[in-house]
């Protein structure tokens, strides 16, 4: 196996960021070539079926990129989405993802997942896509996340939801209409109103 071909394969892995072996196979890299790079320590296993180049620059959002690669149908939500948008002082021990009600719960070695079941418009509305470390991630918008926190206040705590609403009102001043739309989707407009009045 030529050093040149290995270098080309490594360069591709570096470009892709976080990869699954099946993706490399589709791009013409043989499994023998791939495992040769792993044996040499140039490519490292991150989790079950997830690899990256040793030189890969790890960012603060690395965990999200890793989970998105393993659970592409998931949408980051609630505490994880709040953290992503800078709307909480909480540092959740688990990574929160939304999945359809009947979707099978993913089995990950790491990190610990907390699955919230969403359906209908509450599942499909307000999804943003961002690129982290070469991986496309899906996360609910700031407005949708605040509304979700009020809907799931028994899971995250009303204090967390109120803190998120207060921070949102300061950081996203021009998005009151979008917040109201998301509150209607999540059916929490009445629940949120007294807190909005108190903030105003």
N, C-alpha and C. Protein backbone atom coordinates (compact mmCIF):
# COMPACT_ATOMS: atom_id res chain seq x y z
N UNK A 1 0.85 -1.18 0.00
CA UNK A 1 0.00 0.00 0.00
C UNK A 1 0.89 1.24 0.00
N UNK A 2 0.77 2.11 -1.01
CA UNK A 2 1.71 3.21 -1.18
C UNK A 2 1.48 4.29 -0.12
N UNK A 3 2.61 4.93 0.25
CA UNK A 3 2.54 6.02 1.22
C UNK A 3 1.71 7.17 0.65
N UNK A 4 1.79 7.36 -0.66
CA UNK A 4 1.05 8.44 -1.29
C UNK A 4 -0.47 8.24 -1.14
N UNK A 5 -0.91 6.99 -1.36
CA UNK A 5 -2.34 6.70 -1.22
C UNK A 5 -2.79 6.87 0.22
N UNK A 6 -1.92 6.45 1.16
CA UNK A 6 -2.25 6.63 2.57
C UNK A 6 -2.36 8.11 2.93
N UNK A 7 -1.45 8.91 2.39
CA UNK A 7 -1.48 10.35 2.64
C UNK A 7 -2.75 10.98 2.09
N UNK A 8 -3.16 10.52 0.90
CA UNK A 8 -4.40 11.02 0.29
C UNK A 8 -5.60 10.66 1.17
N UNK A 9 -5.60 9.42 1.65
CA UNK A 9 -6.69 8.95 2.51
C UNK A 9 -6.73 9.77 3.81
N UNK A 10 -5.56 10.01 4.39
CA UNK A 10 -5.48 10.77 5.64
C UNK A 10 -5.96 12.21 5.42
N UNK A 11 -5.57 12.77 4.28
CA UNK A 11 -5.98 14.15 3.96
C UNK A 11 -7.51 14.24 3.86
N UNK A 12 -8.12 13.22 3.24
CA UNK A 12 -9.58 13.20 3.11
C UNK A 12 -10.23 13.12 4.49
N UNK A 13 -9.70 12.27 5.36
CA UNK A 13 -10.24 12.12 6.72
C UNK A 13 -10.12 13.45 7.48
N UNK A 14 -9.00 14.12 7.31
CA UNK A 14 -8.82 15.43 7.97
C UNK A 14 -9.84 16.44 7.46
N UNK A 15 -10.14 16.39 6.17
CA UNK A 15 -11.13 17.31 5.58
C UNK A 15 -12.53 17.03 6.10
N UNK A 16 -12.87 15.74 6.22
CA UNK A 16 -14.21 15.35 6.65
C UNK A 16 -14.45 15.59 8.13
N UNK A 17 -13.38 15.65 8.91
CA UNK A 17 -13.51 15.90 10.35
C UNK A 17 -13.74 14.63 11.15
N UNK A 18 -14.99 14.24 11.30
CA UNK A 18 -15.34 13.02 12.04
C UNK A 18 -15.99 12.08 11.04
N UNK A 19 -15.51 10.85 10.97
CA UNK A 19 -15.96 9.95 9.89
C UNK A 19 -16.40 8.58 10.39
N UNK A 20 -17.21 7.95 9.56
CA UNK A 20 -17.55 6.54 9.71
C UNK A 20 -16.82 5.79 8.60
N UNK A 21 -16.30 4.60 8.87
CA UNK A 21 -15.59 3.85 7.82
C UNK A 21 -16.41 3.67 6.54
N UNK A 22 -17.73 3.50 6.67
CA UNK A 22 -18.58 3.29 5.49
C UNK A 22 -18.54 4.51 4.56
N UNK A 23 -18.38 5.72 5.13
CA UNK A 23 -18.30 6.93 4.31
C UNK A 23 -17.01 6.94 3.49
N UNK A 24 -15.94 6.44 4.08
CA UNK A 24 -14.65 6.41 3.39
C UNK A 24 -14.69 5.40 2.26
N UNK A 25 -15.34 4.27 2.52
CA UNK A 25 -15.46 3.22 1.49
C UNK A 25 -16.17 3.79 0.26
N UNK A 26 -17.21 4.61 0.51
CA UNK A 26 -17.97 5.22 -0.59
C UNK A 26 -17.11 6.21 -1.38
N UNK A 27 -16.02 6.68 -0.77
CA UNK A 27 -15.14 7.64 -1.44
C UNK A 27 -13.86 6.98 -1.97
N UNK A 28 -13.89 5.65 -2.02
CA UNK A 28 -12.78 4.93 -2.66
C UNK A 28 -11.62 4.56 -1.76
N UNK A 29 -11.79 4.70 -0.45
CA UNK A 29 -10.71 4.29 0.48
C UNK A 29 -11.03 2.88 0.98
N UNK A 30 -10.11 1.97 0.75
CA UNK A 30 -10.35 0.58 1.15
C UNK A 30 -10.24 0.45 2.67
N UNK A 31 -10.86 -0.59 3.20
CA UNK A 31 -10.81 -0.83 4.65
C UNK A 31 -9.38 -1.16 5.08
N UNK A 32 -8.63 -1.84 4.21
CA UNK A 32 -7.24 -2.17 4.52
C UNK A 32 -6.42 -0.88 4.70
N UNK A 33 -6.66 0.05 3.80
CA UNK A 33 -5.99 1.35 3.86
C UNK A 33 -6.38 2.10 5.14
N UNK A 34 -7.67 2.10 5.42
CA UNK A 34 -8.18 2.78 6.61
C UNK A 34 -7.58 2.19 7.88
N UNK A 35 -7.62 0.86 8.01
CA UNK A 35 -7.12 0.23 9.23
C UNK A 35 -5.60 0.34 9.36
N UNK A 36 -4.92 0.50 8.23
CA UNK A 36 -3.49 0.76 8.26
C UNK A 36 -3.21 2.10 8.94
N UNK A 37 -4.03 3.12 8.61
CA UNK A 37 -3.90 4.44 9.24
C UNK A 37 -4.22 4.37 10.74
N UNK A 38 -5.19 3.53 11.10
CA UNK A 38 -5.54 3.35 12.51
C UNK A 38 -4.38 2.70 13.26
N UNK A 39 -3.80 1.64 12.66
CA UNK A 39 -2.67 0.94 13.29
C UNK A 39 -1.48 1.87 13.51
N UNK A 40 -1.27 2.76 12.55
CA UNK A 40 -0.14 3.70 12.65
C UNK A 40 -0.42 4.83 13.64
N UNK A 41 -1.66 4.89 14.14
CA UNK A 41 -2.01 5.93 15.10
C UNK A 41 -2.32 7.28 14.47
N UNK A 42 -2.44 7.31 13.13
CA UNK A 42 -2.75 8.56 12.43
C UNK A 42 -4.24 8.86 12.46
N UNK A 43 -5.04 7.79 12.65
CA UNK A 43 -6.50 7.93 12.78
C UNK A 43 -6.90 7.25 14.08
N UNK A 44 -7.74 7.89 14.85
CA UNK A 44 -8.09 7.36 16.17
C UNK A 44 -9.59 7.14 16.30
N UNK A 45 -9.94 6.08 17.03
CA UNK A 45 -11.34 5.76 17.30
C UNK A 45 -11.85 6.70 18.39
N UNK A 46 -13.02 7.30 18.15
CA UNK A 46 -13.64 8.19 19.14
C UNK A 46 -14.73 7.48 19.91
N UNK A 47 -15.51 6.68 19.20
CA UNK A 47 -16.64 5.95 19.78
C UNK A 47 -16.94 4.82 18.80
N UNK A 48 -17.94 4.02 19.11
CA UNK A 48 -18.27 2.90 18.24
C UNK A 48 -18.56 3.40 16.81
N UNK A 49 -17.70 2.98 15.85
CA UNK A 49 -17.90 3.35 14.45
C UNK A 49 -17.58 4.78 14.09
N UNK A 50 -16.94 5.52 14.99
CA UNK A 50 -16.64 6.93 14.76
C UNK A 50 -15.13 7.16 14.92
N UNK A 51 -14.52 7.75 13.89
CA UNK A 51 -13.07 7.97 13.88
C UNK A 51 -12.74 9.40 13.46
N UNK A 52 -11.52 9.82 13.80
CA UNK A 52 -11.03 11.11 13.30
C UNK A 52 -9.51 11.08 13.25
N UNK A 53 -8.94 11.99 12.46
CA UNK A 53 -7.48 12.08 12.34
C UNK A 53 -6.89 12.52 13.68
N UNK A 54 -5.69 12.03 13.98
CA UNK A 54 -5.03 12.38 15.24
C UNK A 54 -4.85 13.90 15.37
N UNK A 55 -4.60 14.56 14.23
CA UNK A 55 -4.36 16.01 14.23
C UNK A 55 -5.65 16.84 14.26
N UNK A 56 -6.79 16.17 14.33
CA UNK A 56 -8.08 16.86 14.26
C UNK A 56 -8.20 17.90 15.37
N UNK A 57 -8.49 19.19 15.01
CA UNK A 57 -8.62 20.21 16.06
C UNK A 57 -9.96 20.07 16.79
N UNK A 58 -9.90 19.78 18.08
CA UNK A 58 -11.12 19.57 18.86
C UNK A 58 -11.61 20.91 19.39
N UNK A 59 -12.87 21.21 19.14
CA UNK A 59 -13.47 22.46 19.61
C UNK A 59 -14.33 22.20 20.85
N UNK A 60 -14.85 23.27 21.42
CA UNK A 60 -15.72 23.16 22.60
C UNK A 60 -17.01 22.42 22.25
N UNK A 61 -17.37 22.42 20.96
CA UNK A 61 -18.61 21.77 20.52
C UNK A 61 -18.36 20.35 19.98
N UNK A 62 -17.20 19.80 20.26
CA UNK A 62 -16.83 18.49 19.70
C UNK A 62 -17.87 17.40 19.99
N UNK A 63 -18.38 17.40 21.21
CA UNK A 63 -19.35 16.38 21.61
C UNK A 63 -20.58 16.39 20.71
N UNK A 64 -21.02 17.59 20.32
CA UNK A 64 -22.21 17.69 19.46
C UNK A 64 -21.92 17.10 18.08
N UNK A 65 -20.74 17.39 17.56
CA UNK A 65 -20.37 16.85 16.25
C UNK A 65 -20.33 15.33 16.31
N UNK A 66 -19.79 14.80 17.39
CA UNK A 66 -19.69 13.34 17.56
C UNK A 66 -21.07 12.69 17.63
N UNK A 67 -21.97 13.28 18.43
CA UNK A 67 -23.32 12.72 18.57
C UNK A 67 -24.08 12.82 17.24
N UNK A 68 -23.94 13.97 16.55
CA UNK A 68 -24.65 14.17 15.27
C UNK A 68 -24.23 13.12 14.25
N UNK A 69 -22.97 12.72 14.31
CA UNK A 69 -22.47 11.71 13.37
C UNK A 69 -23.10 10.34 13.68
N UNK A 70 -23.33 10.08 14.95
CA UNK A 70 -23.87 8.78 15.36
C UNK A 70 -25.40 8.73 15.32
N UNK A 71 -26.04 9.89 15.52
CA UNK A 71 -27.51 9.94 15.55
C UNK A 71 -27.99 11.04 14.59
N UNK A 72 -27.82 10.82 13.28
CA UNK A 72 -28.14 11.89 12.32
C UNK A 72 -29.61 12.33 12.33
N UNK A 73 -30.52 11.47 12.81
CA UNK A 73 -31.94 11.84 12.86
C UNK A 73 -32.28 12.71 14.06
N UNK A 74 -31.37 12.81 15.02
CA UNK A 74 -31.64 13.56 16.23
C UNK A 74 -31.50 15.07 16.03
N UNK A 75 -32.18 15.82 16.88
CA UNK A 75 -32.06 17.28 16.89
C UNK A 75 -31.68 17.69 18.31
N UNK A 76 -30.61 18.45 18.47
CA UNK A 76 -30.22 18.87 19.81
C UNK A 76 -31.29 19.81 20.37
N UNK A 77 -31.66 19.55 21.62
CA UNK A 77 -32.79 20.27 22.20
C UNK A 77 -32.54 20.59 23.67
N UNK A 78 -33.50 21.30 24.25
CA UNK A 78 -33.56 21.59 25.68
C UNK A 78 -32.21 22.08 26.23
N UNK A 79 -31.66 21.46 27.27
CA UNK A 79 -30.46 22.01 27.91
C UNK A 79 -29.27 22.10 26.97
N UNK A 80 -29.13 21.11 26.08
CA UNK A 80 -28.00 21.12 25.14
C UNK A 80 -28.15 22.27 24.14
N UNK A 81 -29.37 22.49 23.65
CA UNK A 81 -29.61 23.60 22.72
C UNK A 81 -29.46 24.94 23.44
N UNK A 82 -29.91 25.02 24.69
CA UNK A 82 -29.73 26.26 25.47
C UNK A 82 -28.25 26.61 25.57
N UNK A 83 -27.46 25.60 25.87
CA UNK A 83 -26.00 25.79 26.00
C UNK A 83 -25.42 26.25 24.66
N UNK A 84 -25.87 25.63 23.58
CA UNK A 84 -25.38 25.98 22.24
C UNK A 84 -25.65 27.45 21.93
N UNK A 85 -26.82 27.93 22.32
CA UNK A 85 -27.22 29.31 22.02
C UNK A 85 -26.79 30.30 23.10
N UNK A 86 -26.10 29.82 24.14
CA UNK A 86 -25.64 30.71 25.20
C UNK A 86 -26.77 31.26 26.05
N UNK A 87 -27.79 30.42 26.29
CA UNK A 87 -28.96 30.88 27.04
C UNK A 87 -29.09 30.23 28.42
N UNK A 88 -28.00 29.69 28.92
CA UNK A 88 -28.08 29.06 30.25
C UNK A 88 -26.71 29.05 30.91
N UNK A 89 -26.73 29.03 32.24
CA UNK A 89 -25.48 28.84 32.99
C UNK A 89 -25.31 27.37 33.35
N UNK A 90 -26.31 26.55 32.99
CA UNK A 90 -26.27 25.11 33.29
C UNK A 90 -25.22 24.42 32.41
N UNK A 91 -24.57 23.41 32.96
CA UNK A 91 -23.66 22.57 32.19
C UNK A 91 -24.19 21.14 32.29
N UNK A 92 -25.10 20.75 31.39
CA UNK A 92 -25.75 19.44 31.52
C UNK A 92 -24.76 18.28 31.42
N UNK A 93 -24.98 17.28 32.28
CA UNK A 93 -24.11 16.10 32.28
C UNK A 93 -24.44 15.19 31.10
N UNK A 94 -25.64 15.35 30.55
CA UNK A 94 -26.08 14.52 29.43
C UNK A 94 -26.29 15.40 28.20
N UNK A 95 -26.24 14.77 27.04
CA UNK A 95 -26.52 15.47 25.79
C UNK A 95 -27.97 15.21 25.43
N UNK A 96 -28.75 16.27 25.32
CA UNK A 96 -30.18 16.16 25.06
C UNK A 96 -30.46 16.16 23.57
N UNK A 97 -31.19 15.15 23.09
CA UNK A 97 -31.61 15.14 21.69
C UNK A 97 -33.10 14.81 21.59
N UNK A 98 -33.73 15.41 20.59
CA UNK A 98 -35.14 15.11 20.31
C UNK A 98 -35.21 14.07 19.21
N UNK A 99 -36.10 13.10 19.41
CA UNK A 99 -36.35 12.06 18.39
C UNK A 99 -37.85 11.87 18.26
N UNK A 100 -38.30 11.37 17.10
CA UNK A 100 -39.73 11.06 16.96
C UNK A 100 -40.16 10.05 18.02
N UNK A 101 -41.44 10.06 18.34
CA UNK A 101 -41.96 9.23 19.44
C UNK A 101 -41.64 7.75 19.29
N UNK A 102 -41.67 7.23 18.06
CA UNK A 102 -41.47 5.78 17.89
C UNK A 102 -40.05 5.40 17.48
N UNK A 103 -39.16 6.38 17.39
CA UNK A 103 -37.77 6.07 16.99
C UNK A 103 -37.07 5.29 18.10
N UNK A 104 -36.21 4.38 17.68
CA UNK A 104 -35.48 3.57 18.65
C UNK A 104 -34.43 4.42 19.36
N UNK A 105 -34.27 4.23 20.66
CA UNK A 105 -33.27 4.99 21.42
C UNK A 105 -31.87 4.54 21.02
N UNK A 106 -31.01 5.48 20.64
CA UNK A 106 -29.64 5.10 20.22
C UNK A 106 -28.84 4.55 21.39
N UNK A 107 -27.92 3.62 21.08
CA UNK A 107 -27.02 3.09 22.11
C UNK A 107 -25.63 3.63 21.83
N UNK A 108 -25.21 4.56 22.66
CA UNK A 108 -23.88 5.16 22.50
C UNK A 108 -23.00 4.80 23.68
N UNK A 109 -21.71 4.53 23.39
CA UNK A 109 -20.76 4.29 24.49
C UNK A 109 -20.61 5.59 25.29
N UNK A 110 -20.53 6.68 24.55
CA UNK A 110 -20.25 7.98 25.14
C UNK A 110 -20.63 9.03 24.12
N UNK A 111 -21.18 10.16 24.48
CA UNK A 111 -21.57 10.60 25.82
C UNK A 111 -22.93 10.03 26.21
N UNK A 112 -23.34 10.31 27.44
CA UNK A 112 -24.67 9.87 27.89
C UNK A 112 -25.71 10.72 27.18
N UNK A 113 -26.72 10.06 26.64
CA UNK A 113 -27.79 10.76 25.94
C UNK A 113 -29.03 10.85 26.79
N UNK A 114 -29.75 11.96 26.65
CA UNK A 114 -31.07 12.10 27.25
C UNK A 114 -32.01 12.34 26.08
N UNK A 115 -32.92 11.42 25.83
CA UNK A 115 -33.81 11.51 24.67
C UNK A 115 -35.15 12.10 25.08
N UNK A 116 -35.56 13.14 24.37
CA UNK A 116 -36.89 13.73 24.55
C UNK A 116 -37.70 13.36 23.31
N UNK A 117 -38.94 12.95 23.51
CA UNK A 117 -39.79 12.52 22.39
C UNK A 117 -40.66 13.69 21.92
N UNK A 118 -40.48 14.08 20.66
CA UNK A 118 -41.24 15.16 20.07
C UNK A 118 -42.10 14.58 18.95
N UNK A 119 -43.18 15.29 18.59
CA UNK A 119 -44.00 14.84 17.46
C UNK A 119 -44.59 16.05 16.73
N UNK A 120 -45.05 15.81 15.51
CA UNK A 120 -45.72 16.85 14.73
C UNK A 120 -44.86 18.08 14.53
N UNK A 121 -45.51 19.25 14.59
CA UNK A 121 -44.80 20.51 14.37
C UNK A 121 -43.74 20.76 15.44
N UNK A 122 -43.98 20.25 16.65
CA UNK A 122 -43.00 20.43 17.73
C UNK A 122 -41.68 19.73 17.40
N UNK A 123 -41.74 18.68 16.57
CA UNK A 123 -40.54 17.97 16.14
C UNK A 123 -39.89 18.66 14.94
N UNK A 124 -40.71 19.06 13.98
CA UNK A 124 -40.17 19.52 12.69
C UNK A 124 -39.88 21.02 12.58
N UNK A 125 -40.50 21.83 13.43
CA UNK A 125 -40.34 23.29 13.31
C UNK A 125 -39.12 23.80 14.09
N UNK A 126 -38.54 24.87 13.56
CA UNK A 126 -37.48 25.57 14.30
C UNK A 126 -36.12 24.89 14.28
N UNK A 127 -35.88 24.01 13.30
CA UNK A 127 -34.57 23.31 13.23
C UNK A 127 -33.58 24.15 12.43
N UNK A 128 -32.42 24.38 13.02
CA UNK A 128 -31.31 25.05 12.33
C UNK A 128 -30.23 24.02 12.04
N UNK A 129 -29.49 24.22 10.97
CA UNK A 129 -28.32 23.36 10.72
C UNK A 129 -27.06 24.21 10.83
N UNK A 130 -26.07 23.64 11.48
CA UNK A 130 -24.77 24.30 11.66
C UNK A 130 -23.69 23.29 11.31
N UNK A 131 -22.53 23.77 10.91
CA UNK A 131 -21.41 22.87 10.61
C UNK A 131 -20.37 22.98 11.71
N UNK A 132 -20.10 21.87 12.38
CA UNK A 132 -19.10 21.83 13.44
C UNK A 132 -18.07 20.77 13.09
N UNK A 133 -16.82 21.16 13.02
CA UNK A 133 -15.73 20.21 12.76
C UNK A 133 -16.00 19.36 11.52
N UNK A 134 -16.60 19.95 10.51
CA UNK A 134 -16.88 19.23 9.27
C UNK A 134 -18.15 18.39 9.31
N UNK A 135 -18.88 18.44 10.42
CA UNK A 135 -20.10 17.64 10.57
C UNK A 135 -21.31 18.58 10.63
N UNK A 136 -22.35 18.23 9.88
CA UNK A 136 -23.58 19.03 9.94
C UNK A 136 -24.39 18.58 11.15
N UNK A 137 -24.72 19.54 12.00
CA UNK A 137 -25.55 19.22 13.17
C UNK A 137 -26.89 19.93 13.04
N UNK A 138 -27.90 19.35 13.68
CA UNK A 138 -29.24 19.96 13.70
C UNK A 138 -29.57 20.32 15.14
N UNK A 139 -30.01 21.56 15.32
CA UNK A 139 -30.31 22.05 16.67
C UNK A 139 -31.53 22.97 16.56
N UNK A 140 -32.38 22.94 17.58
CA UNK A 140 -33.53 23.85 17.57
C UNK A 140 -33.05 25.28 17.76
N UNK A 141 -33.74 26.21 17.11
CA UNK A 141 -33.41 27.64 17.22
C UNK A 141 -33.55 28.09 18.67
N UNK A 142 -32.99 29.26 18.94
CA UNK A 142 -33.07 29.81 20.31
C UNK A 142 -34.53 29.97 20.75
N UNK A 143 -35.37 30.53 19.87
CA UNK A 143 -36.79 30.76 20.22
C UNK A 143 -37.51 29.45 20.47
N UNK A 144 -37.30 28.46 19.60
CA UNK A 144 -37.95 27.15 19.76
C UNK A 144 -37.48 26.48 21.04
N UNK A 145 -36.20 26.62 21.36
CA UNK A 145 -35.65 25.98 22.56
C UNK A 145 -36.26 26.56 23.83
N UNK A 146 -36.45 27.88 23.86
CA UNK A 146 -37.08 28.50 25.04
C UNK A 146 -38.50 27.97 25.21
N UNK A 147 -39.25 27.91 24.10
CA UNK A 147 -40.62 27.37 24.18
C UNK A 147 -40.61 25.91 24.62
N UNK A 148 -39.66 25.13 24.09
CA UNK A 148 -39.54 23.71 24.49
C UNK A 148 -39.28 23.58 25.99
N UNK A 149 -38.47 24.48 26.53
CA UNK A 149 -38.14 24.41 27.96
C UNK A 149 -39.38 24.64 28.83
N UNK A 150 -40.28 25.50 28.35
CA UNK A 150 -41.53 25.69 29.10
C UNK A 150 -42.43 24.46 28.93
N UNK A 151 -42.42 23.88 27.74
CA UNK A 151 -43.24 22.68 27.52
C UNK A 151 -42.73 21.51 28.38
N UNK A 152 -41.40 21.40 28.49
CA UNK A 152 -40.80 20.30 29.25
C UNK A 152 -40.26 20.80 30.60
N UNK A 153 -40.97 21.78 31.20
CA UNK A 153 -40.50 22.39 32.46
C UNK A 153 -40.41 21.38 33.59
N UNK A 154 -41.20 20.31 33.53
CA UNK A 154 -41.10 19.27 34.57
C UNK A 154 -39.81 18.48 34.46
N UNK A 155 -39.23 18.46 33.25
CA UNK A 155 -37.95 17.75 33.06
C UNK A 155 -36.75 18.63 33.34
N UNK A 156 -36.81 19.90 32.89
CA UNK A 156 -35.63 20.76 33.00
C UNK A 156 -35.69 21.71 34.20
N UNK A 157 -36.89 21.93 34.72
CA UNK A 157 -37.06 22.86 35.85
C UNK A 157 -37.54 24.22 35.37
N UNK A 158 -38.55 24.76 36.04
CA UNK A 158 -39.13 26.05 35.64
C UNK A 158 -38.09 27.18 35.77
N UNK A 159 -37.18 27.05 36.74
CA UNK A 159 -36.14 28.08 36.92
C UNK A 159 -35.23 28.17 35.71
N UNK A 160 -34.92 27.02 35.10
CA UNK A 160 -34.08 26.98 33.89
C UNK A 160 -34.83 27.64 32.73
N UNK A 161 -36.13 27.32 32.60
CA UNK A 161 -36.94 27.89 31.53
C UNK A 161 -37.04 29.41 31.66
N UNK A 162 -37.24 29.90 32.89
CA UNK A 162 -37.37 31.35 33.12
C UNK A 162 -36.04 32.06 32.85
N UNK A 163 -34.94 31.45 33.30
CA UNK A 163 -33.61 32.02 33.04
C UNK A 163 -33.37 32.12 31.52
N UNK A 164 -33.75 31.08 30.79
CA UNK A 164 -33.58 31.06 29.33
C UNK A 164 -34.42 32.15 28.68
N UNK A 165 -35.65 32.33 29.17
CA UNK A 165 -36.53 33.36 28.63
C UNK A 165 -35.95 34.76 28.87
N UNK A 166 -35.41 34.97 30.06
CA UNK A 166 -34.82 36.27 30.40
C UNK A 166 -33.61 36.55 29.49
N UNK A 167 -32.73 35.54 29.35
CA UNK A 167 -31.54 35.71 28.50
C UNK A 167 -31.94 35.92 27.04
N UNK A 168 -32.95 35.17 26.60
CA UNK A 168 -33.42 35.31 25.22
C UNK A 168 -33.93 36.73 24.97
N UNK A 169 -34.69 37.25 25.91
CA UNK A 169 -35.27 38.60 25.77
C UNK A 169 -34.19 39.66 25.64
N UNK A 170 -33.03 39.41 26.27
CA UNK A 170 -31.91 40.37 26.19
C UNK A 170 -31.09 40.18 24.92
N UNK A 171 -30.83 38.93 24.56
CA UNK A 171 -29.92 38.64 23.43
C UNK A 171 -30.61 38.63 22.07
N UNK A 172 -31.89 38.32 22.04
CA UNK A 172 -32.61 38.19 20.76
C UNK A 172 -33.81 39.14 20.74
N UNK A 173 -33.55 40.40 20.97
CA UNK A 173 -34.63 41.40 21.12
C UNK A 173 -35.59 41.43 19.93
N UNK A 174 -35.07 41.22 18.73
CA UNK A 174 -35.92 41.33 17.54
C UNK A 174 -36.73 40.09 17.22
N UNK A 175 -36.69 39.08 18.10
CA UNK A 175 -37.34 37.81 17.77
C UNK A 175 -38.57 37.50 18.62
N UNK A 176 -39.23 38.53 19.12
CA UNK A 176 -40.43 38.30 19.94
C UNK A 176 -41.53 37.59 19.16
N UNK A 177 -41.66 37.94 17.87
CA UNK A 177 -42.70 37.31 17.03
C UNK A 177 -42.41 35.83 16.83
N UNK A 178 -41.13 35.50 16.62
CA UNK A 178 -40.73 34.10 16.44
C UNK A 178 -40.93 33.31 17.73
N UNK A 179 -40.64 33.95 18.87
CA UNK A 179 -40.85 33.29 20.16
C UNK A 179 -42.34 33.00 20.36
N UNK A 180 -43.19 33.95 20.01
CA UNK A 180 -44.65 33.76 20.14
C UNK A 180 -45.12 32.62 19.24
N UNK A 181 -44.57 32.55 18.02
CA UNK A 181 -44.94 31.47 17.09
C UNK A 181 -44.55 30.10 17.68
N UNK A 182 -43.34 30.02 18.21
CA UNK A 182 -42.86 28.75 18.79
C UNK A 182 -43.67 28.38 20.04
N UNK A 183 -44.06 29.39 20.81
CA UNK A 183 -44.89 29.14 22.01
C UNK A 183 -46.23 28.53 21.60
N UNK A 184 -46.79 29.02 20.48
CA UNK A 184 -48.06 28.45 19.99
C UNK A 184 -47.86 27.01 19.52
N UNK A 185 -46.77 26.75 18.81
CA UNK A 185 -46.47 25.39 18.34
C UNK A 185 -46.38 24.43 19.52
N UNK A 186 -45.72 24.89 20.59
CA UNK A 186 -45.52 24.04 21.78
C UNK A 186 -46.68 24.13 22.77
N UNK A 187 -47.67 24.96 22.44
CA UNK A 187 -48.87 25.14 23.28
C UNK A 187 -48.53 25.60 24.69
N UNK A 188 -47.62 26.57 24.77
CA UNK A 188 -47.23 27.08 26.09
C UNK A 188 -47.36 28.61 26.17
N UNK A 189 -48.09 29.21 25.21
CA UNK A 189 -48.21 30.68 25.19
C UNK A 189 -48.77 31.20 26.52
N UNK A 190 -49.82 30.54 27.04
CA UNK A 190 -50.44 30.99 28.30
C UNK A 190 -49.50 30.80 29.48
N UNK A 191 -48.78 29.71 29.48
CA UNK A 191 -47.84 29.43 30.58
C UNK A 191 -46.73 30.48 30.61
N UNK A 192 -46.26 30.87 29.42
CA UNK A 192 -45.13 31.81 29.32
C UNK A 192 -45.53 33.26 29.60
N UNK A 193 -46.78 33.61 29.33
CA UNK A 193 -47.18 35.02 29.35
C UNK A 193 -46.87 35.76 30.67
N UNK A 194 -47.20 35.16 31.84
CA UNK A 194 -46.88 35.87 33.10
C UNK A 194 -45.39 36.18 33.25
N UNK A 195 -44.55 35.26 32.78
CA UNK A 195 -43.10 35.47 32.87
C UNK A 195 -42.64 36.54 31.90
N UNK A 196 -43.23 36.57 30.72
CA UNK A 196 -42.94 37.62 29.75
C UNK A 196 -43.35 38.98 30.30
N UNK A 197 -44.53 39.03 30.95
CA UNK A 197 -45.01 40.29 31.55
C UNK A 197 -44.05 40.78 32.65
N UNK A 198 -43.54 39.83 33.42
CA UNK A 198 -42.65 40.19 34.53
C UNK A 198 -41.30 40.73 34.01
N UNK A 199 -40.85 40.19 32.86
CA UNK A 199 -39.58 40.61 32.26
C UNK A 199 -39.70 41.97 31.60
N UNK A 200 -40.88 42.21 30.97
CA UNK A 200 -41.08 43.46 30.17
C UNK A 200 -40.93 44.72 31.02
